[in-house]
Amino acid sequence: MGKTIITVAPTGAWPTKKDNPNVPLTPKEIAEDVFECYKAGAAIAHLHMRDDEGLGTMDKSKFEETVRLIKEKCDIVINCTTSGDLNATDETRQAHLKTIRPEMASYDCGSMNWQHSTVFLNTPSFLEELGKTMQEYGVKPEIEIFDAGMIYNAEYYVKKGILKAPLHYQFVLGAAGGTAATVENLVYLKNLIPQGSTWSALGIGRGHIPIMLATIAMGGHIRVGMEDNVMFAKGQLAESNKQFVERAANIIIQSGNEVATPDEAREILGLKK
């Protein structure tokens, strides 16, 4: 039996209480939500922060408070975003890594036209600086892949010493401006990464379940949560992030695999606790 890691992404930078009143926004709400997801089988929590108006922020004090509250409750693997605010600077996007030293953080390996309305900018100079920061502070990059070119960017940074193999890839499918959430695209991207890599995938919106099912069948790990989908089913708002985790855990078990614990996830991904 294989071990499948469930990552929960409870908040993201965009969904609001108007989209779904159950989206956690404050440090206390996020911490309580993550604890419930941990009990349901999530091994990793991918964290975004919101300011007091509910907008995405890279305020390191919000990260520090949230992570402290989570660690008081459980030992889930902490994975912090480095891209929670399109107006953030290169400095504020990584400042929290130096104080929190999370086990993982996102590394968005290229730029893209985000939602066809603005630019999600990840310049070569920023990616080199971020890679060096992660190495210095012992943070494992989660290589976020929105299209195939980002895989080749990651290979370049490995050759340059900015990233260290083996890498862990997160395929983000269905973002407007990125690769569509189809099983064919997932298979294509998975076949591009080097042998010995680990990988996870998610489908945004209606692509959520097809990509989750295909990923489990292909031996990958999965991400669920309201960052990617505020609907649990067609016409049905999600009641909680725990609801997503419970469904994912049931599918993993029914497929003949086991749900990885946080410590098993650390072993699989080569993390330093």
Protein backbone atom coordinates (compact mmCIF):
# COMPACT_ATOMS: atom_id res chain seq x y z
CA MET A 1 0.00 0.00 0.00
CA GLY A 2 1.25 3.45 -0.92
CA LYS A 3 1.08 6.58 1.19
CA THR A 4 -0.75 9.58 -0.24
CA ILE A 5 -0.17 13.05 1.21
CA ILE A 6 -3.15 15.36 1.57
CA THR A 7 -2.34 19.07 1.58
CA VAL A 8 -5.10 21.42 2.66
CA ALA A 9 -5.13 24.97 1.31
CA PRO A 10 -7.82 26.53 3.51
CA THR A 11 -7.85 30.17 2.49
CA GLY A 12 -5.93 31.39 -0.55
CA ALA A 13 -5.70 35.06 -1.44
CA TRP A 14 -9.03 35.58 -3.21
CA PRO A 15 -12.17 33.83 -1.84
CA THR A 16 -14.22 35.99 0.51
CA LYS A 17 -17.06 35.39 2.92
CA LYS A 18 -19.35 36.51 0.09
CA ASP A 19 -18.11 33.59 -2.02
CA ASN A 20 -18.50 31.18 0.87
CA PRO A 21 -19.17 32.27 4.47
CA ASN A 22 -17.12 29.29 5.71
CA VAL A 23 -13.78 30.49 4.30
CA PRO A 24 -11.43 31.05 7.27
CA LEU A 25 -9.77 34.48 7.18
CA THR A 26 -8.36 35.41 10.60
CA PRO A 27 -5.37 33.69 12.22
CA LYS A 28 -7.69 32.08 14.79
CA GLU A 29 -10.14 30.87 12.14
CA ILE A 30 -7.36 29.47 9.96
CA ALA A 31 -5.67 27.71 12.89
CA GLU A 32 -8.90 26.11 14.08
CA ASP A 33 -9.75 25.05 10.53
CA VAL A 34 -6.30 23.54 9.96
CA PHE A 35 -6.57 21.57 13.21
CA GLU A 36 -9.86 20.04 12.10
CA CYS A 37 -8.30 19.16 8.74
CA TYR A 38 -5.31 17.60 10.52
CA LYS A 39 -7.64 15.36 12.51
CA ALA A 40 -9.37 14.37 9.24
CA GLY A 41 -6.10 13.34 7.58
CA ALA A 42 -4.32 16.40 6.20
CA ALA A 43 -0.53 16.17 6.58
CA ILE A 44 0.37 19.61 5.17
CA ALA A 45 -1.26 23.02 5.54
CA HIS A 46 -0.60 25.51 2.73
CA LEU A 47 -1.14 28.93 4.30
CA HIS A 48 -2.19 32.30 2.93
CA MET A 49 -2.91 35.31 5.14
CA ARG A 50 -5.54 38.05 4.98
CA ASP A 51 -5.38 41.59 6.32
CA ASP A 52 -8.07 43.11 8.55
CA GLU A 53 -10.16 43.93 5.45
CA GLY A 54 -9.96 40.32 4.23
CA LEU A 55 -7.50 41.02 1.40
CA GLY A 56 -4.45 38.89 0.67
CA THR A 57 -1.36 40.03 2.54
CA MET A 58 2.24 38.98 3.13
CA ASP A 59 2.27 40.57 6.60
CA LYS A 60 4.73 38.37 8.47
CA SER A 61 3.05 39.06 11.81
CA LYS A 62 -0.11 37.37 10.49
CA PHE A 63 1.91 34.34 9.46
CA GLU A 64 3.69 34.24 12.82
CA GLU A 65 0.45 34.39 14.80
CA THR A 66 -1.28 31.76 12.66
CA VAL A 67 1.63 29.34 12.71
CA ARG A 68 1.98 29.72 16.48
CA LEU A 69 -1.71 28.92 16.98
CA ILE A 70 -1.48 25.89 14.69
CA LYS A 71 1.62 24.52 16.41
CA GLU A 72 -0.12 24.79 19.77
CA LYS A 73 -2.69 22.32 18.44
CA CYS A 74 -0.85 19.85 16.17
CA ASP A 75 2.35 18.96 14.28
CA ILE A 76 0.99 19.33 10.74
CA VAL A 77 3.64 20.32 8.17
CA ILE A 78 3.57 24.09 7.60
CA ASN A 79 3.79 25.26 3.99
CA CYS A 80 3.69 29.05 3.59
CA THR A 81 2.88 30.90 0.42
CA THR A 82 5.33 33.40 -1.05
CA SER A 83 2.73 34.89 -3.39
CA GLY A 84 -0.29 35.96 -1.37
CA ASP A 85 -0.40 39.58 -2.53
CA LEU A 86 0.19 40.84 -6.08
CA ASN A 87 1.35 44.18 -4.63
CA ALA A 88 3.98 42.62 -2.35
CA THR A 89 7.66 43.34 -2.88
CA ASP A 90 10.43 40.79 -3.39
CA GLU A 91 11.41 41.43 0.23
CA THR A 92 7.98 41.05 1.84
CA ARG A 93 7.29 37.88 -0.15
CA GLN A 94 10.03 36.06 1.76
CA ALA A 95 10.42 37.97 5.05
CA HIS A 96 8.22 35.50 6.95
CA LEU A 97 10.44 32.58 5.89
CA LYS A 98 13.31 34.09 7.87
CA THR A 99 11.35 34.37 11.11
CA ILE A 100 9.07 31.31 10.95
CA ARG A 101 11.37 28.94 9.06
CA PRO A 102 8.47 26.79 7.85
CA GLU A 103 9.27 23.30 6.63
CA MET A 104 7.98 24.19 3.14
CA ALA A 105 7.03 27.23 1.08
CA SER A 106 5.76 27.85 -2.43
CA TYR A 107 8.19 28.59 -5.25
CA ASP A 108 6.22 29.82 -8.28
CA CYS A 109 8.62 28.98 -11.05
CA GLY A 110 7.78 31.65 -13.63
CA SER A 111 5.50 34.55 -14.51
CA MET A 112 2.05 34.39 -16.10
CA ASN A 113 -0.94 36.54 -17.06
CA TRP A 114 -3.06 36.00 -13.96
CA GLN A 115 -6.82 35.75 -14.56
CA HIS A 116 -6.26 37.52 -17.91
CA SER A 117 -6.22 40.82 -16.01
CA THR A 118 -2.82 41.29 -14.37
CA VAL A 119 0.67 39.81 -14.27
CA PHE A 120 1.72 37.28 -11.67
CA LEU A 121 5.36 38.35 -11.67
CA ASN A 122 8.20 36.04 -10.67
CA THR A 123 11.32 37.55 -12.16
CA PRO A 124 14.57 35.61 -12.58
CA SER A 125 16.25 37.81 -9.98
CA PHE A 126 13.48 37.14 -7.46
CA LEU A 127 13.52 33.39 -8.08
CA GLU A 128 17.28 33.27 -7.58
CA GLU A 129 17.04 35.28 -4.36
CA LEU A 130 14.12 33.19 -3.08
CA GLY A 131 15.92 29.93 -3.81
CA LYS A 132 18.96 31.11 -1.87
CA THR A 133 16.78 32.25 1.05
CA MET A 134 15.08 28.87 1.20
CA GLN A 135 18.42 27.07 1.25
CA GLU A 136 19.79 29.36 3.96
CA TYR A 137 16.78 28.91 6.26
CA GLY A 138 16.15 25.22 5.61
CA VAL A 139 12.82 25.63 3.78
CA LYS A 140 11.94 23.06 1.12
CA PRO A 141 10.53 24.68 -2.03
CA GLU A 142 7.24 23.42 -3.38
CA ILE A 143 7.69 24.09 -7.09
CA GLU A 144 4.38 25.52 -8.30
CA ILE A 145 3.76 24.62 -11.94
CA PHE A 146 1.09 26.51 -13.87
CA ASP A 147 2.44 25.57 -17.31
CA ALA A 148 5.13 23.35 -18.81
CA GLY A 149 7.73 26.10 -19.17
CA MET A 150 7.96 26.37 -15.40
CA ILE A 151 9.27 22.80 -15.21
CA TYR A 152 12.13 23.75 -17.50
CA ASN A 153 12.77 26.86 -15.40
CA ALA A 154 13.11 24.60 -12.35
CA GLU A 155 15.60 22.38 -14.18
CA TYR A 156 17.66 25.48 -15.01
CA TYR A 157 17.74 26.58 -11.37
CA VAL A 158 18.80 23.10 -10.28
CA LYS A 159 21.74 23.25 -12.71
CA LYS A 160 22.62 26.69 -11.37
CA GLY A 161 22.48 25.53 -7.73
CA ILE A 162 19.55 27.77 -6.81
CA LEU A 163 17.36 24.71 -6.23
CA LYS A 164 18.44 21.34 -4.89
CA ALA A 165 17.14 18.05 -6.31
CA PRO A 166 15.08 16.02 -5.73
CA LEU A 167 12.33 18.60 -6.16
CA HIS A 168 8.72 18.46 -5.09
CA TYR A 169 6.34 19.74 -7.77
CA GLN A 170 2.79 21.04 -7.31
CA PHE A 171 0.78 21.04 -10.56
CA VAL A 172 -1.79 23.84 -10.41
CA LEU A 173 -4.34 23.18 -13.15
CA GLY A 174 -7.30 25.31 -14.12
CA ALA A 175 -6.05 28.81 -13.27
CA ALA A 176 -7.17 31.38 -15.85
CA GLY A 177 -3.98 32.13 -17.79
CA GLY A 178 -2.43 28.75 -16.98
CA THR A 179 -2.82 25.14 -18.11
CA ALA A 180 -6.37 23.77 -18.22
CA ALA A 181 -7.44 21.16 -15.66
CA THR A 182 -7.59 18.07 -17.86
CA VAL A 183 -6.28 14.58 -17.21
CA GLU A 184 -4.33 14.74 -20.49
CA ASN A 185 -2.50 17.86 -19.31
CA LEU A 186 -1.75 16.27 -15.94
CA VAL A 187 -0.22 13.20 -17.59
CA TYR A 188 1.84 15.43 -19.91
CA LEU A 189 3.24 17.56 -17.06
CA LYS A 190 3.93 14.59 -14.82
CA ASN A 191 5.96 12.94 -17.59
CA LEU A 192 8.21 16.02 -17.86
CA ILE A 193 9.59 15.95 -14.33
CA PRO A 194 12.83 14.09 -13.53
CA GLN A 195 12.77 10.61 -12.06
CA GLY A 196 13.11 10.67 -8.28
CA SER A 197 10.91 13.77 -7.94
CA THR A 198 7.80 13.87 -5.80
CA TRP A 199 4.65 15.56 -7.03
CA SER A 200 1.18 16.67 -6.11
CA ALA A 201 -1.68 18.16 -8.11
CA LEU A 202 -4.86 20.13 -7.82
CA GLY A 203 -7.68 21.18 -10.10
CA ILE A 204 -9.33 24.54 -9.60
CA GLY A 205 -13.11 24.74 -9.59
CA ARG A 206 -14.87 22.06 -11.64
CA GLY A 207 -11.53 20.40 -12.36
CA HIS A 208 -11.08 19.53 -8.69
CA ILE A 209 -12.46 15.99 -8.62
CA PRO A 210 -11.18 14.76 -12.03
CA ILE A 211 -7.64 15.90 -11.22
CA MET A 212 -7.81 14.46 -7.70
CA LEU A 213 -8.97 11.06 -8.98
CA ALA A 214 -6.37 10.97 -11.75
CA THR A 215 -3.57 12.03 -9.39
CA ILE A 216 -4.37 9.28 -6.89
CA ALA A 217 -4.53 6.73 -9.72
CA MET A 218 -1.14 7.91 -11.00
CA GLY A 219 0.53 7.67 -7.59
CA GLY A 220 0.77 11.38 -6.85
CA HIS A 221 -0.21 13.43 -3.83
CA ILE A 222 -3.15 15.82 -3.67
CA ARG A 223 -4.21 19.28 -2.53
CA VAL A 224 -7.74 20.22 -1.54
CA GLY A 225 -9.37 23.23 0.09
CA MET A 226 -11.20 26.49 -0.40
CA GLU A 227 -8.21 28.25 -1.91
CA ASP A 228 -8.97 26.21 -5.02
CA ASN A 229 -12.69 25.52 -4.79
CA VAL A 230 -15.41 26.98 -2.55
CA MET A 231 -17.98 24.49 -3.89
CA PHE A 232 -18.13 20.95 -2.52
CA ALA A 233 -20.40 19.80 -5.34
CA LYS A 234 -22.44 21.41 -8.09
CA GLY A 235 -24.74 23.93 -6.42
CA GLN A 236 -23.44 23.04 -2.94
CA LEU A 237 -21.15 25.36 -1.01
CA ALA A 238 -18.47 23.63 1.05
CA GLU A 239 -19.32 23.56 4.73
CA SER A 240 -15.66 23.43 5.77
CA ASN A 241 -12.22 22.50 4.54
CA LYS A 242 -12.51 19.39 6.70
CA GLN A 243 -15.26 18.24 4.33
CA PHE A 244 -12.79 18.26 1.42
CA VAL A 245 -10.15 16.41 3.44
CA GLU A 246 -12.57 13.73 4.60
CA ARG A 247 -13.71 13.04 1.03
CA ALA A 248 -10.12 12.87 -0.20
CA ALA A 249 -9.11 10.52 2.62
CA ASN A 250 -12.02 8.19 1.85
CA ILE A 251 -11.10 8.05 -1.84
CA ILE A 252 -7.46 7.32 -1.01
CA ILE A 253 -8.44 4.47 1.28
CA GLN A 254 -10.96 3.07 -1.18
CA SER A 255 -8.30 3.13 -3.90
CA GLY A 256 -6.09 0.85 -1.80
CA ASN A 257 -3.68 3.47 -0.47
CA GLU A 258 -3.13 4.90 3.00
CA VAL A 259 -3.37 8.54 4.06
CA ALA A 260 0.09 9.81 5.04
CA THR A 261 0.60 11.26 8.50
CA PRO A 262 2.64 14.46 8.92
CA ASP A 263 5.74 12.48 9.89
CA GLU A 264 5.26 10.13 6.92
CA ALA A 265 4.94 13.18 4.67
CA ARG A 266 8.20 14.50 6.11
CA GLU A 267 9.90 11.23 5.26
CA ILE A 268 8.47 11.11 1.73
CA LEU A 269 9.48 14.72 0.99
CA GLY A 270 12.79 14.69 2.83
CA LEU A 271 11.83 17.50 5.20
CA LYS A 272 13.77 18.74 8.19
CA LYS A 273 11.33 18.97 11.08
